Amino acid sequence: QVRLVESGGGLVQPGGSLRLSCAASISSANINDMSWYRQAPGQGRELVAQITTSGLTNYADSVKDRFTISRDNAKNTLYLQMNSLKPGDTATYYCNVRTLPTFQRYWGQGTQVTVSS
């Protein structure tokens, strides 16, 4: 069983920044890719950003040029740097990993991000 622990959420004003972290309980060598998803009230869960083992990244159009995903393989930790935050970014953010060799998915418990003045 893989455990993912997210942190870094909170309340921030529009235009502000937050950095989310996700610590995984397994070695990065056993992870294929890591992602951040988010879910706003009454909406489905959407992919925000993804990073592969080789460092390739993919972003939702709505966050390009504002969010940056990164991973520290030595610490088995995933990050999401969020800048220029907008009220529309308000959601619960979830960490997700796909493990090797079966590509099984695991989810964190979520961390709340609220952007409001």
C-alpha atoms as a PDB file:
ATOM      1  CA  GLN A   1       0.000   0.000   0.000  1.00  0.00           C
ATOM      2  CA  VAL A   2       1.298   3.441  -0.980  1.00  0.00           C
ATOM      3  CA  ARG A   3       0.675   6.397   1.300  1.00  0.00           C
ATOM      4  CA  LEU A   4       0.651   9.949  -0.047  1.00  0.00           C
ATOM      5  CA  VAL A   5       0.617  12.889   2.350  1.00  0.00           C
ATOM      6  CA  GLU A   6      -0.154  16.331   0.956  1.00  0.00           C
ATOM      7  CA  SER A   7       0.545  19.645   2.627  1.00  0.00           C
ATOM      8  CA  GLY A   8       0.762  23.333   1.828  1.00  0.00           C
ATOM      9  CA  GLY A   9      -2.834  24.266   1.136  1.00  0.00           C
ATOM     10  CA  GLY A  10      -4.555  27.259   2.668  1.00  0.00           C
ATOM     11  CA  LEU A  11      -6.245  30.579   2.101  1.00  0.00           C
ATOM     12  CA  VAL A  12      -4.554  33.083  -0.183  1.00  0.00           C
ATOM     13  CA  GLN A  13      -5.583  36.325  -1.843  1.00  0.00           C
ATOM     14  CA  PRO A  14      -5.912  36.585  -5.629  1.00  0.00           C
ATOM     15  CA  GLY A  15      -2.496  37.049  -7.186  1.00  0.00           C
ATOM     16  CA  GLY A  16      -0.794  35.222  -4.343  1.00  0.00           C
ATOM     17  CA  SER A  17       1.264  32.038  -4.304  1.00  0.00           C
ATOM     18  CA  LEU A  18       1.224  28.663  -2.587  1.00  0.00           C
ATOM     19  CA  ARG A  19       3.455  25.610  -2.756  1.00  0.00           C
ATOM     20  CA  LEU A  20       1.927  22.181  -2.346  1.00  0.00           C
ATOM     21  CA  SER A  21       3.961  19.142  -1.343  1.00  0.00           C
ATOM     22  CA  CYS A  22       3.196  15.432  -1.552  1.00  0.00           C
ATOM     23  CA  ALA A  23       5.398  12.941   0.256  1.00  0.00           C
ATOM     24  CA  ALA A  24       5.211   9.360  -0.996  1.00  0.00           C
ATOM     25  CA  SER A  25       5.879   6.301   1.153  1.00  0.00           C
ATOM     26  CA  ILE A  26       7.641   4.440  -1.648  1.00  0.00           C
ATOM     27  CA  SER A  27      10.834   4.978  -3.559  1.00  0.00           C
ATOM     28  CA  SER A  28      10.686   7.119  -6.659  1.00  0.00           C
ATOM     29  CA  ALA A  29      12.262   4.191  -8.485  1.00  0.00           C
ATOM     30  CA  ASN A  30       8.901   2.425  -8.158  1.00  0.00           C
ATOM     31  CA  ILE A  31       6.867   5.343  -9.499  1.00  0.00           C
ATOM     32  CA  ASN A  32       6.092   5.858 -13.176  1.00  0.00           C
ATOM     33  CA  ASP A  33       4.520   9.287 -12.987  1.00  0.00           C
ATOM     34  CA  MET A  34       3.127  11.721 -10.441  1.00  0.00           C
ATOM     35  CA  SER A  35       0.326  14.200 -10.881  1.00  0.00           C
ATOM     36  CA  TRP A  36      -1.770  16.847  -9.212  1.00  0.00           C
ATOM     37  CA  TYR A  37      -5.522  16.832  -9.696  1.00  0.00           C
ATOM     38  CA  ARG A  38      -8.108  19.206  -8.298  1.00  0.00           C
ATOM     39  CA  GLN A  39     -11.810  19.119  -7.622  1.00  0.00           C
ATOM     40  CA  ALA A  40     -13.986  22.141  -7.026  1.00  0.00           C
ATOM     41  CA  PRO A  41     -17.367  21.843  -5.279  1.00  0.00           C
ATOM     42  CA  GLY A  42     -19.948  20.348  -7.611  1.00  0.00           C
ATOM     43  CA  GLN A  43     -17.407  19.602 -10.319  1.00  0.00           C
ATOM     44  CA  GLY A  44     -15.445  16.595 -11.478  1.00  0.00           C
ATOM     45  CA  ARG A  45     -11.810  15.920 -10.702  1.00  0.00           C
ATOM     46  CA  GLU A  46      -9.467  17.404 -13.314  1.00  0.00           C
ATOM     47  CA  LEU A  47      -5.800  16.958 -14.087  1.00  0.00           C
ATOM     48  CA  VAL A  48      -3.749  20.020 -13.192  1.00  0.00           C
ATOM     49  CA  ALA A  49      -0.208  18.886 -13.935  1.00  0.00           C
ATOM     50  CA  GLN A  50       1.780  15.692 -14.457  1.00  0.00           C
ATOM     51  CA  ILE A  51       5.471  14.811 -14.364  1.00  0.00           C
ATOM     52  CA  THR A  52       7.103  11.598 -15.547  1.00  0.00           C
ATOM     53  CA  THR A  53      10.140   9.803 -14.199  1.00  0.00           C
ATOM     54  CA  SER A  54      12.245  11.416 -16.892  1.00  0.00           C
ATOM     55  CA  GLY A  55      10.995  14.868 -15.980  1.00  0.00           C
ATOM     56  CA  LEU A  56       8.560  15.458 -18.819  1.00  0.00           C
ATOM     57  CA  THR A  57       5.702  17.704 -17.746  1.00  0.00           C
ATOM     58  CA  ASN A  58       2.140  18.315 -18.851  1.00  0.00           C
ATOM     59  CA  TYR A  59      -0.216  21.068 -17.684  1.00  0.00           C
ATOM     60  CA  ALA A  60      -3.869  21.937 -17.986  1.00  0.00           C
ATOM     61  CA  ASP A  61      -4.315  24.972 -20.221  1.00  0.00           C
ATOM     62  CA  SER A  62      -5.886  26.890 -17.336  1.00  0.00           C
ATOM     63  CA  VAL A  63      -2.687  26.756 -15.259  1.00  0.00           C
ATOM     64  CA  LYS A  64       0.061  26.970 -17.884  1.00  0.00           C
ATOM     65  CA  ASP A  65       2.599  29.706 -17.163  1.00  0.00           C
ATOM     66  CA  ARG A  66       1.298  30.026 -13.582  1.00  0.00           C
ATOM     67  CA  PHE A  67       1.902  26.603 -12.015  1.00  0.00           C
ATOM     68  CA  THR A  68       5.086  24.541 -11.972  1.00  0.00           C
ATOM     69  CA  ILE A  69       5.241  20.853 -11.098  1.00  0.00           C
ATOM     70  CA  SER A  70       8.472  19.292  -9.890  1.00  0.00           C
ATOM     71  CA  ARG A  71       9.687  16.224  -8.033  1.00  0.00           C
ATOM     72  CA  ASP A  72      12.594  15.466  -5.727  1.00  0.00           C
ATOM     73  CA  ASN A  73      13.389  11.816  -6.305  1.00  0.00           C
ATOM     74  CA  ALA A  74      15.794  11.682  -3.381  1.00  0.00           C
ATOM     75  CA  LYS A  75      13.004  12.748  -1.018  1.00  0.00           C
ATOM     76  CA  ASN A  76      10.214  10.888  -2.858  1.00  0.00           C
ATOM     77  CA  THR A  77       8.316  14.168  -2.883  1.00  0.00           C
ATOM     78  CA  LEU A  78       6.181  15.938  -5.457  1.00  0.00           C
ATOM     79  CA  TYR A  79       5.642  19.705  -5.505  1.00  0.00           C
ATOM     80  CA  LEU A  80       3.295  22.165  -7.144  1.00  0.00           C
ATOM     81  CA  GLN A  81       4.322  25.813  -7.150  1.00  0.00           C
ATOM     82  CA  MET A  82       1.231  27.917  -7.779  1.00  0.00           C
ATOM     83  CA  ASN A  83       1.649  31.587  -8.686  1.00  0.00           C
ATOM     84  CA  SER A  84      -0.794  34.298  -9.752  1.00  0.00           C
ATOM     85  CA  LEU A  85      -3.611  32.407  -8.102  1.00  0.00           C
ATOM     86  CA  LYS A  86      -7.181  33.148  -9.147  1.00  0.00           C
ATOM     87  CA  PRO A  87     -10.506  32.497  -7.428  1.00  0.00           C
ATOM     88  CA  GLY A  88     -11.139  29.852 -10.083  1.00  0.00           C
ATOM     89  CA  ASP A  89      -8.201  27.868  -8.683  1.00  0.00           C
ATOM     90  CA  THR A  90     -10.160  27.245  -5.481  1.00  0.00           C
ATOM     91  CA  ALA A  91     -10.475  23.485  -5.052  1.00  0.00           C
ATOM     92  CA  THR A  92      -9.272  20.468  -3.159  1.00  0.00           C
ATOM     93  CA  TYR A  93      -5.942  19.409  -4.645  1.00  0.00           C
ATOM     94  CA  TYR A  94      -5.022  15.725  -4.763  1.00  0.00           C
ATOM     95  CA  CYS A  95      -1.696  14.061  -5.319  1.00  0.00           C
ATOM     96  CA  ASN A  96      -1.709  10.983  -7.545  1.00  0.00           C
ATOM     97  CA  VAL A  97       0.946   8.452  -8.449  1.00  0.00           C
ATOM     98  CA  ARG A  98       1.094   5.500 -10.810  1.00  0.00           C
ATOM     99  CA  THR A  99       3.407   2.792  -9.640  1.00  0.00           C
ATOM    100  CA  LEU A 100       5.559   0.330 -11.534  1.00  0.00           C
ATOM    101  CA  PRO A 101       5.180  -2.220 -12.964  1.00  0.00           C
ATOM    102  CA  THR A 102       1.371  -2.349 -12.970  1.00  0.00           C
ATOM    103  CA  PHE A 103       0.566   1.397 -13.248  1.00  0.00           C
ATOM    104  CA  GLN A 104      -1.727   1.166 -10.248  1.00  0.00           C
ATOM    105  CA  ARG A 105      -3.037   4.534  -9.078  1.00  0.00           C
ATOM    106  CA  TYR A 106      -2.913   5.857  -5.554  1.00  0.00           C
ATOM    107  CA  TRP A 107      -4.430   9.062  -4.199  1.00  0.00           C
ATOM    108  CA  GLY A 108      -3.630  11.370  -1.346  1.00  0.00           C
ATOM    109  CA  GLN A 109      -6.248  12.663   1.068  1.00  0.00           C
ATOM    110  CA  GLY A 110      -6.358  16.104  -0.539  1.00  0.00           C
ATOM    111  CA  THR A 111      -5.441  19.596   0.590  1.00  0.00           C
ATOM    112  CA  GLN A 112      -7.752  22.591   0.337  1.00  0.00           C
ATOM    113  CA  VAL A 113      -6.729  25.683  -1.606  1.00  0.00           C
ATOM    114  CA  THR A 114      -8.973  28.731  -1.308  1.00  0.00           C
ATOM    115  CA  VAL A 115      -8.298  31.885  -3.293  1.00  0.00           C
ATOM    116  CA  SER A 116     -10.347  34.779  -1.984  1.00  0.00           C
ATOM    117  CA  SER A 117     -10.027  38.383  -0.950  1.00  0.00           C
END
